[in-house]
């Protein structure tokens, strides 16, 4: 699945909106905001797909070479 920057932006914005709407202690607001932003980034990064293309060999021993890849 390709990375979805639009969803990441919306999720981060929602985290700020939710934090602003809460009437809590400042530390609780910061904790909730940090948690929501880290969840959004975690979800975004887990969407990344690395596709191996070429470069590694294992001639009867340890794998060597340069890892050729693309990131989607």
N, C-alpha and C. Protein backbone atom coordinates (compact mmCIF):
# COMPACT_ATOMS: atom_id res chain seq x y z
N UNK A 1 0.84 -1.16 0.00
CA UNK A 1 0.00 0.00 0.00
C UNK A 1 0.90 1.24 0.00
N UNK A 2 0.62 2.22 -0.83
CA UNK A 2 1.44 3.42 -0.87
C UNK A 2 1.21 4.29 0.38
N UNK A 3 2.19 5.11 0.68
CA UNK A 3 2.06 6.03 1.81
C UNK A 3 0.97 7.06 1.52
N UNK A 4 0.20 7.40 2.53
CA UNK A 4 -0.92 8.32 2.36
C UNK A 4 -0.68 9.56 3.23
N UNK A 5 0.02 10.55 2.64
CA UNK A 5 0.37 11.76 3.37
C UNK A 5 -0.88 12.57 3.74
N UNK A 6 -1.89 12.52 2.91
CA UNK A 6 -3.13 13.26 3.20
C UNK A 6 -3.78 12.75 4.48
N UNK A 7 -3.81 11.43 4.65
CA UNK A 7 -4.39 10.85 5.87
C UNK A 7 -3.54 11.19 7.09
N UNK A 8 -2.21 11.14 6.94
CA UNK A 8 -1.33 11.50 8.05
C UNK A 8 -1.62 12.94 8.50
N UNK A 9 -1.71 13.85 7.55
CA UNK A 9 -1.99 15.25 7.86
C UNK A 9 -3.33 15.38 8.59
N UNK A 10 -4.35 14.68 8.08
CA UNK A 10 -5.68 14.74 8.70
C UNK A 10 -5.65 14.18 10.12
N UNK A 11 -4.91 13.09 10.32
CA UNK A 11 -4.82 12.48 11.65
C UNK A 11 -4.09 13.40 12.64
N UNK A 12 -3.04 14.07 12.18
CA UNK A 12 -2.32 15.00 13.06
C UNK A 12 -3.20 16.20 13.39
N UNK A 13 -3.90 16.72 12.39
CA UNK A 13 -4.82 17.84 12.62
C UNK A 13 -5.90 17.43 13.62
N UNK A 14 -6.45 16.24 13.46
CA UNK A 14 -7.48 15.75 14.39
C UNK A 14 -6.93 15.64 15.81
N UNK A 15 -5.66 15.25 15.95
CA UNK A 15 -5.05 15.16 17.27
C UNK A 15 -5.02 16.53 17.94
N UNK A 16 -4.68 17.57 17.17
CA UNK A 16 -4.67 18.92 17.73
C UNK A 16 -6.08 19.41 18.06
N UNK A 17 -7.03 19.13 17.16
CA UNK A 17 -8.41 19.54 17.40
C UNK A 17 -8.95 18.87 18.66
N UNK A 18 -8.68 17.58 18.80
CA UNK A 18 -9.15 16.85 19.98
C UNK A 18 -8.49 17.38 21.25
N UNK A 19 -7.20 17.70 21.18
CA UNK A 19 -6.51 18.22 22.35
C UNK A 19 -7.06 19.59 22.74
N UNK A 20 -7.38 20.40 21.74
CA UNK A 20 -7.91 21.75 21.99
C UNK A 20 -9.31 21.68 22.62
N UNK A 21 -10.09 20.68 22.21
CA UNK A 21 -11.46 20.57 22.67
C UNK A 21 -11.56 20.05 24.11
N UNK A 22 -10.52 19.44 24.60
CA UNK A 22 -10.56 18.85 25.94
C UNK A 22 -10.28 19.92 26.98
N UNK A 23 -11.01 19.85 28.08
CA UNK A 23 -10.78 20.75 29.21
C UNK A 23 -10.15 19.92 30.33
N UNK A 24 -8.83 19.73 30.20
CA UNK A 24 -8.11 18.89 31.15
C UNK A 24 -6.86 19.61 31.62
N UNK A 25 -6.16 18.95 32.49
CA UNK A 25 -4.87 19.46 32.94
C UNK A 25 -3.91 19.52 31.75
N UNK A 26 -3.04 20.51 31.70
CA UNK A 26 -2.11 20.64 30.56
C UNK A 26 -1.28 19.38 30.30
N UNK A 27 -0.80 18.74 31.35
CA UNK A 27 0.00 17.53 31.15
C UNK A 27 -0.81 16.42 30.50
N UNK A 28 -2.07 16.29 30.87
CA UNK A 28 -2.93 15.27 30.27
C UNK A 28 -3.18 15.59 28.80
N UNK A 29 -3.35 16.88 28.48
CA UNK A 29 -3.56 17.29 27.09
C UNK A 29 -2.32 16.97 26.26
N UNK A 30 -1.14 17.31 26.79
CA UNK A 30 0.10 17.03 26.07
C UNK A 30 0.31 15.53 25.88
N UNK A 31 0.01 14.75 26.91
CA UNK A 31 0.15 13.29 26.79
C UNK A 31 -0.79 12.74 25.72
N UNK A 32 -2.03 13.19 25.71
CA UNK A 32 -3.00 12.71 24.72
C UNK A 32 -2.57 13.15 23.32
N UNK A 33 -2.13 14.40 23.18
CA UNK A 33 -1.68 14.90 21.88
C UNK A 33 -0.48 14.11 21.38
N UNK A 34 0.50 13.90 22.23
CA UNK A 34 1.69 13.13 21.84
C UNK A 34 1.31 11.71 21.45
N UNK A 35 0.41 11.10 22.21
CA UNK A 35 -0.03 9.74 21.90
C UNK A 35 -0.74 9.66 20.56
N UNK A 36 -1.62 10.63 20.29
CA UNK A 36 -2.36 10.62 19.03
C UNK A 36 -1.45 10.88 17.83
N UNK A 37 -0.49 11.79 17.98
CA UNK A 37 0.44 12.06 16.88
C UNK A 37 1.34 10.85 16.64
N UNK A 38 1.83 10.24 17.71
CA UNK A 38 2.69 9.07 17.52
C UNK A 38 1.91 7.90 16.91
N UNK A 39 0.64 7.76 17.25
CA UNK A 39 -0.18 6.72 16.60
C UNK A 39 -0.34 7.00 15.11
N UNK A 40 -0.55 8.27 14.75
CA UNK A 40 -0.70 8.64 13.34
C UNK A 40 0.58 8.35 12.56
N UNK A 41 1.72 8.68 13.13
CA UNK A 41 3.01 8.43 12.46
C UNK A 41 3.27 6.93 12.36
N UNK A 42 2.97 6.21 13.42
CA UNK A 42 3.16 4.75 13.42
C UNK A 42 2.34 4.10 12.31
N UNK A 43 1.09 4.50 12.19
CA UNK A 43 0.22 3.96 11.13
C UNK A 43 0.76 4.32 9.76
N UNK A 44 1.23 5.55 9.59
CA UNK A 44 1.77 6.02 8.31
C UNK A 44 3.00 5.20 7.90
N UNK A 45 3.92 5.02 8.82
CA UNK A 45 5.16 4.30 8.52
C UNK A 45 4.87 2.83 8.22
N UNK A 46 3.93 2.24 8.90
CA UNK A 46 3.62 0.82 8.68
C UNK A 46 2.98 0.57 7.32
N UNK A 47 2.56 1.64 6.63
CA UNK A 47 2.01 1.49 5.28
C UNK A 47 3.12 1.33 4.24
N UNK A 48 4.35 1.67 4.61
CA UNK A 48 5.45 1.66 3.66
C UNK A 48 5.76 0.23 3.20
N UNK A 49 6.04 0.11 1.92
CA UNK A 49 6.41 -1.19 1.37
C UNK A 49 7.78 -1.04 0.70
N UNK A 50 8.74 -1.85 1.13
CA UNK A 50 10.06 -1.87 0.52
C UNK A 50 10.13 -3.09 -0.38
N UNK A 51 10.42 -2.87 -1.64
CA UNK A 51 10.46 -3.96 -2.62
C UNK A 51 11.90 -4.22 -3.02
N UNK A 52 12.38 -5.42 -2.73
CA UNK A 52 13.73 -5.83 -3.12
C UNK A 52 13.79 -6.01 -4.62
N UNK A 53 14.85 -5.48 -5.25
CA UNK A 53 14.97 -5.63 -6.70
C UNK A 53 16.20 -6.44 -7.09
N UNK A 54 17.33 -6.20 -6.48
CA UNK A 54 18.54 -6.90 -6.89
C UNK A 54 19.69 -6.61 -5.94
N UNK A 55 20.77 -7.34 -6.10
CA UNK A 55 22.02 -6.96 -5.45
C UNK A 55 22.60 -7.89 -4.42
N UNK A 56 21.83 -8.79 -3.84
CA UNK A 56 22.37 -9.65 -2.80
C UNK A 56 22.68 -11.04 -3.36
N UNK A 57 23.79 -11.59 -2.90
CA UNK A 57 24.16 -12.95 -3.30
C UNK A 57 24.60 -13.74 -2.08
N UNK A 58 24.47 -15.04 -2.16
CA UNK A 58 24.89 -15.93 -1.08
C UNK A 58 25.56 -17.16 -1.69
N UNK A 59 26.80 -17.01 -2.11
CA UNK A 59 27.50 -18.13 -2.76
C UNK A 59 28.00 -19.16 -1.75
N UNK A 60 27.09 -19.84 -1.10
CA UNK A 60 27.47 -20.88 -0.15
C UNK A 60 27.98 -20.33 1.17
N UNK A 61 27.67 -19.11 1.49
CA UNK A 61 28.13 -18.51 2.74
C UNK A 61 27.24 -17.37 3.15
N UNK A 62 27.86 -16.37 3.74
CA UNK A 62 27.11 -15.20 4.19
C UNK A 62 26.58 -14.41 3.00
N UNK A 63 25.45 -13.78 3.21
CA UNK A 63 24.86 -12.93 2.17
C UNK A 63 25.69 -11.66 2.06
N UNK A 64 26.05 -11.30 0.82
CA UNK A 64 26.82 -10.09 0.58
C UNK A 64 26.19 -9.30 -0.55
N UNK A 65 26.65 -8.07 -0.71
CA UNK A 65 26.18 -7.24 -1.81
C UNK A 65 25.50 -5.99 -1.33
N UNK A 66 24.97 -5.26 -2.27
CA UNK A 66 24.25 -4.03 -1.99
C UNK A 66 22.77 -4.26 -2.24
N UNK A 67 21.98 -3.96 -1.27
CA UNK A 67 20.54 -4.17 -1.32
C UNK A 67 19.91 -3.16 -2.26
N UNK A 68 19.41 -3.64 -3.40
CA UNK A 68 18.68 -2.77 -4.34
C UNK A 68 17.21 -2.79 -3.98
N UNK A 69 16.58 -1.63 -3.90
CA UNK A 69 15.19 -1.58 -3.46
C UNK A 69 14.47 -0.36 -4.02
N UNK A 70 13.16 -0.40 -3.89
CA UNK A 70 12.32 0.77 -4.11
C UNK A 70 11.38 0.88 -2.92
N UNK A 71 11.01 2.09 -2.59
CA UNK A 71 10.08 2.31 -1.48
C UNK A 71 8.78 2.84 -2.08
N UNK A 72 7.69 2.18 -1.73
CA UNK A 72 6.36 2.59 -2.16
C UNK A 72 5.56 3.00 -0.95
